[in-house]
Full PDB file with SEQRES, HELIX, SHEET, SSBOND, CRYST1, ORIGX, SCALE, CONECT and MASTER records, all heavy atoms in Angstrom:
SEQRES   1 A   42  GLY ARG PHE THR ILE SER ARG ASP LYS ALA LYS SER THR          
SEQRES   2 A   42  VAL TYR LEU GLU MET ASN SER LEU LYS ALA ASP ASP THR          
SEQRES   3 A   42  ALA VAL TYR PHE CYS ALA ALA SER PRO VAL PRO SER GLU          
SEQRES   4 A   42  ALA VAL GLY                                                  
HELIX    1 AA1 LYS A    9  LYS A   11  5                                   3    
HELIX    2 AA2 ALA A   23  ASP A   25  5                                   3    
SHEET    1 AA1 2 PHE A   3  ASP A   8  0                                        
SHEET    2 AA1 2 THR A  13  MET A  18 -1                                        
CRYST1    1.000    1.000    1.000  90.00  90.00  90.00 P 1           1          
ORIGX1      1.000000  0.000000  0.000000        0.00000                         
ORIGX2      0.000000  1.000000  0.000000        0.00000                         
ORIGX3      0.000000  0.000000  1.000000        0.00000                         
SCALE1      1.000000  0.000000  0.000000        0.00000                         
SCALE2      0.000000  1.000000  0.000000        0.00000                         
SCALE3      0.000000  0.000000  1.000000        0.00000                         
ATOM      1  N   GLY A   1      -1.998  40.245   2.180  1.00  0.00           N  
ATOM      2  CA  GLY A   1      -1.693  39.012   1.500  1.00  0.00           C  
ATOM      3  C   GLY A   1      -0.498  39.225   0.498  1.00  0.00           C  
ATOM      4  O   GLY A   1       0.066  38.182   0.044  1.00  0.00           O  
ATOM      5  N   ARG A   2      -0.267  40.386   0.067  1.00  0.00           N  
ATOM      6  CA  ARG A   2       0.792  40.757  -0.853  1.00  0.00           C  
ATOM      7  C   ARG A   2       1.934  41.510  -0.191  1.00  0.00           C  
ATOM      8  O   ARG A   2       3.070  41.302  -0.609  1.00  0.00           O  
ATOM      9  CB  ARG A   2       0.292  41.484  -2.077  1.00  0.00           C  
ATOM     10  CG  ARG A   2      -0.717  40.696  -2.869  1.00  0.00           C  
ATOM     11  CD  ARG A   2      -1.073  41.377  -4.176  1.00  0.00           C  
ATOM     12  NE  ARG A   2      -1.628  42.707  -3.974  1.00  0.00           N  
ATOM     13  CZ  ARG A   2      -1.149  43.849  -4.462  1.00  0.00           C  
ATOM     14  NH1 ARG A   2       0.063  43.780  -5.167  1.00  0.00           N  
ATOM     15  NH2 ARG A   2      -1.722  44.999  -4.192  1.00  0.00           N  
ATOM     16  N   PHE A   3       1.557  42.468   0.701  1.00  0.00           N  
ATOM     17  CA  PHE A   3       2.545  43.382   1.288  1.00  0.00           C  
ATOM     18  C   PHE A   3       2.771  42.974   2.709  1.00  0.00           C  
ATOM     19  O   PHE A   3       1.852  42.472   3.356  1.00  0.00           O  
ATOM     20  CB  PHE A   3       2.096  44.803   1.256  1.00  0.00           C  
ATOM     21  CG  PHE A   3       2.162  45.415  -0.127  1.00  0.00           C  
ATOM     22  CD1 PHE A   3       2.272  44.634  -1.277  1.00  0.00           C  
ATOM     23  CD2 PHE A   3       1.887  46.751  -0.299  1.00  0.00           C  
ATOM     24  CE1 PHE A   3       2.215  45.217  -2.591  1.00  0.00           C  
ATOM     25  CE2 PHE A   3       1.779  47.385  -1.500  1.00  0.00           C  
ATOM     26  CZ  PHE A   3       2.005  46.606  -2.696  1.00  0.00           C  
ATOM     27  N   THR A   4       3.941  43.134   3.225  1.00  0.00           N  
ATOM     28  CA  THR A   4       4.338  42.840   4.626  1.00  0.00           C  
ATOM     29  C   THR A   4       5.127  44.088   5.169  1.00  0.00           C  
ATOM     30  O   THR A   4       6.121  44.460   4.630  1.00  0.00           O  
ATOM     31  CB  THR A   4       5.152  41.656   4.748  1.00  0.00           C  
ATOM     32  OG1 THR A   4       4.453  40.473   4.212  1.00  0.00           O  
ATOM     33  CG2 THR A   4       5.496  41.320   6.246  1.00  0.00           C  
ATOM     34  N   ILE A   5       4.636  44.591   6.307  1.00  0.00           N  
ATOM     35  CA  ILE A   5       5.381  45.612   7.000  1.00  0.00           C  
ATOM     36  C   ILE A   5       6.160  45.092   8.125  1.00  0.00           C  
ATOM     37  O   ILE A   5       5.582  44.188   8.858  1.00  0.00           O  
ATOM     38  CB  ILE A   5       4.365  46.810   7.485  1.00  0.00           C  
ATOM     39  CG1 ILE A   5       5.178  47.984   8.074  1.00  0.00           C  
ATOM     40  CG2 ILE A   5       3.427  46.232   8.510  1.00  0.00           C  
ATOM     41  CD1 ILE A   5       4.335  49.194   8.295  1.00  0.00           C  
ATOM     42  N   SER A   6       7.345  45.525   8.313  1.00  0.00           N  
ATOM     43  CA  SER A   6       8.150  45.099   9.412  1.00  0.00           C  
ATOM     44  C   SER A   6       9.120  46.180   9.896  1.00  0.00           C  
ATOM     45  O   SER A   6       9.158  47.222   9.259  1.00  0.00           O  
ATOM     46  CB  SER A   6       9.029  43.848   8.936  1.00  0.00           C  
ATOM     47  OG  SER A   6       9.871  44.084   7.970  1.00  0.00           O  
ATOM     48  N   ARG A   7       9.799  45.965  10.978  1.00  0.00           N  
ATOM     49  CA  ARG A   7      10.767  47.026  11.502  1.00  0.00           C  
ATOM     50  C   ARG A   7      11.945  46.387  12.096  1.00  0.00           C  
ATOM     51  O   ARG A   7      11.857  45.242  12.612  1.00  0.00           O  
ATOM     52  CB  ARG A   7      10.040  47.935  12.434  1.00  0.00           C  
ATOM     53  CG  ARG A   7       9.956  47.394  13.805  1.00  0.00           C  
ATOM     54  CD  ARG A   7       8.868  46.355  14.079  1.00  0.00           C  
ATOM     55  NE  ARG A   7       8.830  45.865  15.397  1.00  0.00           N  
ATOM     56  CZ  ARG A   7       9.575  44.838  15.910  1.00  0.00           C  
ATOM     57  NH1 ARG A   7      10.406  44.218  14.987  1.00  0.00           N  
ATOM     58  NH2 ARG A   7       9.465  44.459  17.101  1.00  0.00           N  
ATOM     59  N   ASP A   8      13.055  47.042  12.072  1.00  0.00           N  
ATOM     60  CA  ASP A   8      14.232  46.711  12.621  1.00  0.00           C  
ATOM     61  C   ASP A   8      14.574  47.739  13.732  1.00  0.00           C  
ATOM     62  O   ASP A   8      15.026  48.922  13.391  1.00  0.00           O  
ATOM     63  CB  ASP A   8      15.355  46.557  11.682  1.00  0.00           C  
ATOM     64  CG  ASP A   8      16.684  46.042  12.265  1.00  0.00           C  
ATOM     65  OD1 ASP A   8      16.893  46.270  13.474  1.00  0.00           O  
ATOM     66  OD2 ASP A   8      17.450  45.393  11.520  1.00  0.00           O  
ATOM     67  N   LYS A   9      14.268  47.497  14.938  1.00  0.00           N  
ATOM     68  CA  LYS A   9      14.467  48.517  15.981  1.00  0.00           C  
ATOM     69  C   LYS A   9      15.872  48.943  16.222  1.00  0.00           C  
ATOM     70  O   LYS A   9      16.112  50.119  16.459  1.00  0.00           O  
ATOM     71  CB  LYS A   9      13.903  47.944  17.396  1.00  0.00           C  
ATOM     72  CG  LYS A   9      12.396  47.717  17.346  1.00  0.00           C  
ATOM     73  CD  LYS A   9      11.902  47.366  18.756  1.00  0.00           C  
ATOM     74  CE  LYS A   9      12.323  45.989  19.119  1.00  0.00           C  
ATOM     75  NZ  LYS A   9      11.718  45.574  20.429  1.00  0.00           N  
ATOM     76  N   ALA A  10      16.864  48.004  16.044  1.00  0.00           N  
ATOM     77  CA  ALA A  10      18.226  48.406  16.184  1.00  0.00           C  
ATOM     78  C   ALA A  10      18.717  49.386  15.119  1.00  0.00           C  
ATOM     79  O   ALA A  10      19.566  50.270  15.413  1.00  0.00           O  
ATOM     80  CB  ALA A  10      19.125  47.092  16.105  1.00  0.00           C  
ATOM     81  N   LYS A  11      18.100  49.296  13.936  1.00  0.00           N  
ATOM     82  CA  LYS A  11      18.434  50.247  12.876  1.00  0.00           C  
ATOM     83  C   LYS A  11      17.449  51.364  12.722  1.00  0.00           C  
ATOM     84  O   LYS A  11      17.649  52.159  11.830  1.00  0.00           O  
ATOM     85  CB  LYS A  11      18.480  49.406  11.538  1.00  0.00           C  
ATOM     86  CG  LYS A  11      19.581  48.380  11.471  1.00  0.00           C  
ATOM     87  CD  LYS A  11      19.608  47.654  10.178  1.00  0.00           C  
ATOM     88  CE  LYS A  11      20.726  46.531  10.112  1.00  0.00           C  
ATOM     89  NZ  LYS A  11      20.680  45.883   8.802  1.00  0.00           N  
ATOM     90  N   SER A  12      16.453  51.464  13.559  1.00  0.00           N  
ATOM     91  CA  SER A  12      15.417  52.382  13.429  1.00  0.00           C  
ATOM     92  C   SER A  12      14.868  52.559  12.061  1.00  0.00           C  
ATOM     93  O   SER A  12      14.700  53.661  11.527  1.00  0.00           O  
ATOM     94  CB  SER A  12      15.985  53.805  13.896  1.00  0.00           C  
ATOM     95  OG  SER A  12      16.405  53.781  15.309  1.00  0.00           O  
ATOM     96  N   THR A  13      14.553  51.425  11.485  1.00  0.00           N  
ATOM     97  CA  THR A  13      14.096  51.319  10.090  1.00  0.00           C  
ATOM     98  C   THR A  13      12.833  50.483   9.995  1.00  0.00           C  
ATOM     99  O   THR A  13      12.765  49.356  10.629  1.00  0.00           O  
ATOM    100  CB  THR A  13      15.188  50.736   9.209  1.00  0.00           C  
ATOM    101  OG1 THR A  13      16.404  51.518   9.261  1.00  0.00           O  
ATOM    102  CG2 THR A  13      14.809  50.668   7.768  1.00  0.00           C  
ATOM    103  N   VAL A  14      11.936  50.953   9.138  1.00  0.00           N  
ATOM    104  CA  VAL A  14      10.726  50.144   8.906  1.00  0.00           C  
ATOM    105  C   VAL A  14      10.703  49.806   7.345  1.00  0.00           C  
ATOM    106  O   VAL A  14      11.246  50.598   6.570  1.00  0.00           O  
ATOM    107  CB  VAL A  14       9.431  50.968   9.265  1.00  0.00           C  
ATOM    108  CG1 VAL A  14       9.325  52.213   8.430  1.00  0.00           C  
ATOM    109  CG2 VAL A  14       8.177  50.130   9.065  1.00  0.00           C  
ATOM    110  N   TYR A  15      10.245  48.631   7.033  1.00  0.00           N  
ATOM    111  CA  TYR A  15      10.242  48.068   5.746  1.00  0.00           C  
ATOM    112  C   TYR A  15       8.876  47.819   5.203  1.00  0.00           C  
ATOM    113  O   TYR A  15       7.926  47.609   6.009  1.00  0.00           O  
ATOM    114  CB  TYR A  15      11.104  46.830   5.638  1.00  0.00           C  
ATOM    115  CG  TYR A  15      12.513  46.904   6.179  1.00  0.00           C  
ATOM    116  CD1 TYR A  15      12.801  46.598   7.495  1.00  0.00           C  
ATOM    117  CD2 TYR A  15      13.518  47.399   5.346  1.00  0.00           C  
ATOM    118  CE1 TYR A  15      14.122  46.719   7.890  1.00  0.00           C  
ATOM    119  CE2 TYR A  15      14.791  47.491   5.769  1.00  0.00           C  
ATOM    120  CZ  TYR A  15      15.015  47.159   7.100  1.00  0.00           C  
ATOM    121  OH  TYR A  15      16.362  47.282   7.604  1.00  0.00           O  
ATOM    122  N   LEU A  16       8.748  47.863   3.913  1.00  0.00           N  
ATOM    123  CA  LEU A  16       7.525  47.372   3.234  1.00  0.00           C  
ATOM    124  C   LEU A  16       7.943  46.443   2.152  1.00  0.00           C  
ATOM    125  O   LEU A  16       8.445  46.853   1.098  1.00  0.00           O  
ATOM    126  CB  LEU A  16       6.732  48.578   2.663  1.00  0.00           C  
ATOM    127  CG  LEU A  16       5.362  48.152   2.041  1.00  0.00           C  
ATOM    128  CD1 LEU A  16       4.371  47.725   3.121  1.00  0.00           C  
ATOM    129  CD2 LEU A  16       4.734  49.307   1.275  1.00  0.00           C  
ATOM    130  N   GLU A  17       7.698  45.152   2.324  1.00  0.00           N  
ATOM    131  CA  GLU A  17       7.966  44.101   1.378  1.00  0.00           C  
ATOM    132  C   GLU A  17       6.748  43.957   0.479  1.00  0.00           C  
ATOM    133  O   GLU A  17       5.658  43.615   0.991  1.00  0.00           O  
ATOM    134  CB  GLU A  17       8.367  42.804   2.058  1.00  0.00           C  
ATOM    135  CG  GLU A  17       8.852  41.699   1.106  1.00  0.00           C  
ATOM    136  CD  GLU A  17      10.255  41.894   0.645  1.00  0.00           C  
ATOM    137  OE1 GLU A  17      11.050  42.455   1.434  1.00  0.00           O  
ATOM    138  OE2 GLU A  17      10.565  41.528  -0.450  1.00  0.00           O  
ATOM    139  N   MET A  18       6.918  44.128  -0.787  1.00  0.00           N  
ATOM    140  CA  MET A  18       5.832  44.134  -1.724  1.00  0.00           C  
ATOM    141  C   MET A  18       6.031  43.024  -2.703  1.00  0.00           C  
ATOM    142  O   MET A  18       7.092  42.951  -3.385  1.00  0.00           O  
ATOM    143  CB  MET A  18       5.747  45.507  -2.509  1.00  0.00           C  
ATOM    144  CG  MET A  18       5.638  46.666  -1.560  1.00  0.00           C  
ATOM    145  SD  MET A  18       5.390  48.228  -2.487  1.00  0.00           S  
ATOM    146  CE  MET A  18       6.978  48.376  -3.326  1.00  0.00           C  
ATOM    147  N   ASN A  19       5.056  42.101  -2.774  1.00  0.00           N  
ATOM    148  CA  ASN A  19       5.100  40.961  -3.677  1.00  0.00           C  
ATOM    149  C   ASN A  19       3.886  40.961  -4.607  1.00  0.00           C  
ATOM    150  O   ASN A  19       2.881  41.681  -4.314  1.00  0.00           O  
ATOM    151  CB  ASN A  19       5.103  39.662  -2.923  1.00  0.00           C  
ATOM    152  CG  ASN A  19       6.266  39.580  -1.961  1.00  0.00           C  
ATOM    153  OD1 ASN A  19       7.411  39.777  -2.424  1.00  0.00           O  
ATOM    154  ND2 ASN A  19       6.049  39.311  -0.691  1.00  0.00           N  
ATOM    155  N   SER A  20       3.929  40.210  -5.647  1.00  0.00           N  
ATOM    156  CA  SER A  20       2.881  40.171  -6.675  1.00  0.00           C  
ATOM    157  C   SER A  20       2.415  41.510  -7.020  1.00  0.00           C  
ATOM    158  O   SER A  20       1.212  41.805  -7.106  1.00  0.00           O  
ATOM    159  CB  SER A  20       1.692  39.341  -6.108  1.00  0.00           C  
ATOM    160  OG  SER A  20       2.142  38.035  -5.675  1.00  0.00           O  
ATOM    161  N   LEU A  21       3.341  42.360  -7.388  1.00  0.00           N  
ATOM    162  CA  LEU A  21       3.033  43.721  -7.768  1.00  0.00           C  
ATOM    163  C   LEU A  21       2.151  43.810  -9.061  1.00  0.00           C  
ATOM    164  O   LEU A  21       2.370  42.949  -9.978  1.00  0.00           O  
ATOM    165  CB  LEU A  21       4.260  44.570  -7.919  1.00  0.00           C  
ATOM    166  CG  LEU A  21       4.892  44.958  -6.574  1.00  0.00           C  
ATOM    167  CD1 LEU A  21       6.361  45.361  -6.833  1.00  0.00           C  
ATOM    168  CD2 LEU A  21       4.116  46.108  -5.934  1.00  0.00           C  
ATOM    169  N   LYS A  22       1.249  44.763  -9.079  1.00  0.00           N  
ATOM    170  CA  LYS A  22       0.470  44.986 -10.282  1.00  0.00           C  
ATOM    171  C   LYS A  22       0.453  46.510 -10.646  1.00  0.00           C  
ATOM    172  O   LYS A  22       0.888  47.318  -9.890  1.00  0.00           O  
ATOM    173  CB  LYS A  22      -0.983  44.450 -10.039  1.00  0.00           C  
ATOM    174  CG  LYS A  22      -1.686  45.067  -8.784  1.00  0.00           C  
ATOM    175  CD  LYS A  22      -2.952  44.360  -8.526  1.00  0.00           C  
ATOM    176  CE  LYS A  22      -3.600  44.850  -7.331  1.00  0.00           C  
ATOM    177  NZ  LYS A  22      -4.983  44.265  -7.049  1.00  0.00           N  
ATOM    178  N   ALA A  23      -0.104  46.806 -11.800  1.00  0.00           N  
ATOM    179  CA  ALA A  23      -0.090  48.162 -12.246  1.00  0.00           C  
ATOM    180  C   ALA A  23      -0.796  49.144 -11.320  1.00  0.00           C  
ATOM    181  O   ALA A  23      -0.330  50.256 -11.150  1.00  0.00           O  
ATOM    182  CB  ALA A  23      -0.761  48.281 -13.653  1.00  0.00           C  
ATOM    183  N   ASP A  24      -1.869  48.630 -10.580  1.00  0.00           N  
ATOM    184  CA  ASP A  24      -2.507  49.585  -9.711  1.00  0.00           C  
ATOM    185  C   ASP A  24      -1.680  49.942  -8.496  1.00  0.00           C  
ATOM    186  O   ASP A  24      -2.050  50.851  -7.722  1.00  0.00           O  
ATOM    187  CB  ASP A  24      -3.791  48.845  -9.217  1.00  0.00           C  
ATOM    188  CG  ASP A  24      -4.873  48.770 -10.282  1.00  0.00           C  
ATOM    189  OD1 ASP A  24      -4.719  49.468 -11.292  1.00  0.00           O  
ATOM    190  OD2 ASP A  24      -5.910  48.005 -10.006  1.00  0.00           O  
ATOM    191  N   ASP A  25      -0.544  49.283  -8.274  1.00  0.00           N  
ATOM    192  CA  ASP A  25       0.324  49.600  -7.179  1.00  0.00           C  
ATOM    193  C   ASP A  25       1.254  50.822  -7.480  1.00  0.00           C  
ATOM    194  O   ASP A  25       2.006  51.317  -6.612  1.00  0.00           O  
ATOM    195  CB  ASP A  25       1.255  48.398  -6.760  1.00  0.00           C  
ATOM    196  CG  ASP A  25       0.400  47.237  -6.215  1.00  0.00           C  
ATOM    197  OD1 ASP A  25      -0.590  47.544  -5.491  1.00  0.00           O  
ATOM    198  OD2 ASP A  25       0.660  46.118  -6.497  1.00  0.00           O  
ATOM    199  N   THR A  26       1.210  51.258  -8.763  1.00  0.00           N  
ATOM    200  CA  THR A  26       2.135  52.342  -9.154  1.00  0.00           C  
ATOM    201  C   THR A  26       1.720  53.641  -8.369  1.00  0.00           C  
ATOM    202  O   THR A  26       0.496  54.077  -8.423  1.00  0.00           O  
ATOM    203  CB  THR A  26       1.980  52.586 -10.673  1.00  0.00           C  
ATOM    204  OG1 THR A  26       2.445  51.473 -11.410  1.00  0.00           O  
ATOM    205  CG2 THR A  26       2.773  53.860 -11.094  1.00  0.00           C  
ATOM    206  N   ALA A  27       2.609  54.271  -7.654  1.00  0.00           N  
ATOM    207  CA  ALA A  27       2.331  55.453  -6.868  1.00  0.00           C  
ATOM    208  C   ALA A  27       3.670  55.912  -6.240  1.00  0.00           C  
ATOM    209  O   ALA A  27       4.677  55.243  -6.270  1.00  0.00           O  
ATOM    210  CB  ALA A  27       1.306  55.115  -5.792  1.00  0.00           C  
ATOM    211  N   VAL A  28       3.557  57.069  -5.669  1.00  0.00           N  
ATOM    212  CA  VAL A  28       4.595  57.565  -4.703  1.00  0.00           C  
ATOM    213  C   VAL A  28       4.253  57.049  -3.380  1.00  0.00           C  
ATOM    214  O   VAL A  28       3.156  57.251  -2.834  1.00  0.00           O  
ATOM    215  CB  VAL A  28       4.743  59.045  -4.686  1.00  0.00           C  
ATOM    216  CG1 VAL A  28       5.735  59.537  -3.690  1.00  0.00           C  
ATOM    217  CG2 VAL A  28       5.011  59.624  -6.088  1.00  0.00           C  
ATOM    218  N   TYR A  29       5.219  56.266  -2.782  1.00  0.00           N  
ATOM    219  CA  TYR A  29       5.005  55.689  -1.446  1.00  0.00           C  
ATOM    220  C   TYR A  29       5.695  56.582  -0.334  1.00  0.00           C  
ATOM    221  O   TYR A  29       6.841  56.894  -0.487  1.00  0.00           O  
ATOM    222  CB  TYR A  29       5.602  54.291  -1.440  1.00  0.00           C  
ATOM    223  CG  TYR A  29       4.664  53.311  -2.131  1.00  0.00           C  
ATOM    224  CD1 TYR A  29       4.506  53.293  -3.522  1.00  0.00           C  
ATOM    225  CD2 TYR A  29       3.970  52.351  -1.393  1.00  0.00           C  
ATOM    226  CE1 TYR A  29       3.711  52.423  -4.189  1.00  0.00           C  
ATOM    227  CE2 TYR A  29       3.084  51.493  -2.052  1.00  0.00           C  
ATOM    228  CZ  TYR A  29       3.018  51.484  -3.472  1.00  0.00           C  
ATOM    229  OH  TYR A  29       2.110  50.610  -4.036  1.00  0.00           O  
ATOM    230  N   PHE A  30       4.948  56.840   0.698  1.00  0.00           N  
ATOM    231  CA  PHE A  30       5.397  57.728   1.786  1.00  0.00           C  
ATOM    232  C   PHE A  30       5.467  56.933   3.072  1.00  0.00           C  
ATOM    233  O   PHE A  30       4.504  56.175   3.404  1.00  0.00           O  
ATOM    234  CB  PHE A  30       4.447  58.900   1.977  1.00  0.00           C  
ATOM    235  CG  PHE A  30       4.412  59.835   0.830  1.00  0.00           C  
ATOM    236  CD1 PHE A  30       3.442  59.685  -0.231  1.00  0.00           C  
ATOM    237  CD2 PHE A  30       5.267  60.910   0.738  1.00  0.00           C  
ATOM    238  CE1 PHE A  30       3.398  60.518  -1.271  1.00  0.00           C  
ATOM    239  CE2 PHE A  30       5.237  61.788  -0.300  1.00  0.00           C  
ATOM    240  CZ  PHE A  30       4.304  61.653  -1.312  1.00  0.00           C  
ATOM    241  N   CYS A  31       6.540  57.117   3.846  1.00  0.00           N  
ATOM    242  CA  CYS A  31       6.592  56.657   5.186  1.00  0.00           C  
ATOM    243  C   CYS A  31       6.111  57.731   6.149  1.00  0.00           C  
ATOM    244  O   CYS A  31       6.367  58.933   5.882  1.00  0.00           O  
ATOM    245  CB  CYS A  31       8.052  56.255   5.533  1.00  0.00           C  
ATOM    246  SG  CYS A  31       8.398  55.679   7.195  1.00  0.00           S  
ATOM    247  N   ALA A  32       5.428  57.375   7.250  1.00  0.00           N  
ATOM    248  CA  ALA A  32       4.926  58.372   8.135  1.00  0.00           C  
ATOM    249  C   ALA A  32       4.915  57.760   9.563  1.00  0.00           C  
ATOM    250  O   ALA A  32       4.965  56.611   9.805  1.00  0.00           O  
ATOM    251  CB  ALA A  32       3.461  58.681   7.765  1.00  0.00           C  
ATOM    252  N   ALA A  33       4.911  58.640  10.570  1.00  0.00           N  
ATOM    253  CA  ALA A  33       4.972  58.348  12.032  1.00  0.00           C  
ATOM    254  C   ALA A  33       3.736  58.886  12.672  1.00  0.00           C  
ATOM    255  O   ALA A  33       3.269  60.061  12.460  1.00  0.00           O  
ATOM    256  CB  ALA A  33       6.159  58.869  12.605  1.00  0.00           C  
ATOM    257  N   SER A  34       3.085  58.069  13.546  1.00  0.00           N  
ATOM    258  CA  SER A  34       1.866  58.460  14.287  1.00  0.00           C  
ATOM    259  C   SER A  34       2.079  57.971  15.732  1.00  0.00           C  
ATOM    260  O   SER A  34       2.751  57.036  16.084  1.00  0.00           O  
ATOM    261  CB  SER A  34       0.695  57.684  13.685  1.00  0.00           C  
ATOM    262  OG  SER A  34      -0.475  57.824  14.469  1.00  0.00           O  
ATOM    263  N   PRO A  35       1.339  58.688  16.691  1.00  0.00           N  
ATOM    264  CA  PRO A  35       1.418  58.227  18.106  1.00  0.00           C  
ATOM    265  C   PRO A  35       0.903  56.791  18.280  1.00  0.00           C  
ATOM    266  O   PRO A  35       1.404  56.146  19.218  1.00  0.00           O  
ATOM    267  CB  PRO A  35       0.559  59.236  18.792  1.00  0.00           C  
ATOM    268  CG  PRO A  35       0.583  60.492  17.963  1.00  0.00           C  
ATOM    269  CD  PRO A  35       0.618  59.955  16.557  1.00  0.00           C  
ATOM    270  N   VAL A  36      -0.080  56.414  17.497  1.00  0.00           N  
ATOM    271  CA  VAL A  36      -0.619  55.087  17.559  1.00  0.00           C  
ATOM    272  C   VAL A  36      -0.897  54.566  16.188  1.00  0.00           C  
ATOM    273  O   VAL A  36      -1.057  55.355  15.215  1.00  0.00           O  
ATOM    274  CB  VAL A  36      -1.941  55.009  18.412  1.00  0.00           C  
ATOM    275  CG1 VAL A  36      -1.680  55.408  19.848  1.00  0.00           C  
ATOM    276  CG2 VAL A  36      -2.945  55.947  17.769  1.00  0.00           C  
ATOM    277  N   PRO A  37      -1.008  53.193  16.018  1.00  0.00           N  
ATOM    278  CA  PRO A  37      -1.311  52.623  14.688  1.00  0.00           C  
ATOM    279  C   PRO A  37      -2.688  53.207  14.221  1.00  0.00           C  
ATOM    280  O   PRO A  37      -3.614  53.187  14.953  1.00  0.00           O  
ATOM    281  CB  PRO A  37      -1.344  51.165  14.951  1.00  0.00           C  
ATOM    282  CG  PRO A  37      -0.429  50.925  16.122  1.00  0.00           C  
ATOM    283  CD  PRO A  37      -0.733  52.133  17.005  1.00  0.00           C  
ATOM    284  N   SER A  38      -2.757  53.646  12.955  1.00  0.00           N  
ATOM    285  CA  SER A  38      -3.990  54.167  12.432  1.00  0.00           C  
ATOM    286  C   SER A  38      -3.997  54.017  10.911  1.00  0.00           C  
ATOM    287  O   SER A  38      -2.904  54.028  10.231  1.00  0.00           O  
ATOM    288  CB  SER A  38      -4.145  55.632  12.792  1.00  0.00           C  
ATOM    289  OG  SER A  38      -5.245  56.195  12.228  1.00  0.00           O  
ATOM    290  N   GLU A  39      -5.177  53.999  10.308  1.00  0.00           N  
ATOM    291  CA  GLU A  39      -5.374  53.997   8.921  1.00  0.00           C  
ATOM    292  C   GLU A  39      -5.661  55.427   8.310  1.00  0.00           C  
ATOM    293  O   GLU A  39      -5.775  55.653   7.181  1.00  0.00           O  
ATOM    294  CB  GLU A  39      -6.569  53.117   8.465  1.00  0.00           C  
ATOM    295  CG  GLU A  39      -6.365  51.611   8.890  1.00  0.00           C  
ATOM    296  CD  GLU A  39      -7.505  50.772   8.514  1.00  0.00           C  
ATOM    297  OE1 GLU A  39      -8.407  51.250   7.891  1.00  0.00           O  
ATOM    298  OE2 GLU A  39      -7.519  49.552   8.900  1.00  0.00           O  
ATOM    299  N   ALA A  40      -5.719  56.374   9.265  1.00  0.00           N  
ATOM    300  CA  ALA A  40      -6.139  57.778   8.863  1.00  0.00           C  
ATOM    301  C   ALA A  40      -4.873  58.603   8.567  1.00  0.00           C  
ATOM    302  O   ALA A  40      -3.958  58.720   9.412  1.00  0.00           O  
ATOM    303  CB  ALA A  40      -6.981  58.391   9.981  1.00  0.00           C  
ATOM    304  N   VAL A  41      -4.886  59.315   7.425  1.00  0.00           N  
ATOM    305  CA  VAL A  41      -3.880  60.226   7.052  1.00  0.00           C  
ATOM    306  C   VAL A  41      -3.581  61.296   8.140  1.00  0.00           C  
ATOM    307  O   VAL A  41      -2.417  61.617   8.542  1.00  0.00           O  
ATOM    308  CB  VAL A  41      -4.103  60.819   5.748  1.00  0.00           C  
ATOM    309  CG1 VAL A  41      -3.094  61.990   5.414  1.00  0.00           C  
ATOM    310  CG2 VAL A  41      -4.032  59.791   4.621  1.00  0.00           C  
ATOM    311  N   GLY A  42      -4.672  61.735   8.682  1.00  0.00           N  
ATOM    312  CA  GLY A  42      -4.657  62.843   9.674  1.00  0.00           C  
ATOM    313  C   GLY A  42      -4.001  62.504  11.043  1.00  0.00           C  
ATOM    314  O   GLY A  42      -3.643  63.408  11.769  1.00  0.00           O  
TER     315      GLY A  42                                                      
MASTER        0    0    0    2    2    0    0    6  314    1    0    4          
END                                                                             
């Protein structure tokens, strides 16, 4: 409801649009690639 993930295939780029940011969102953000969509770090 606050963040939106999207991609631009022509530019080989993925985006994370972050809205209504709060203090708990403070962190180092990492981009990662997986064979399939997953919530697991591994």
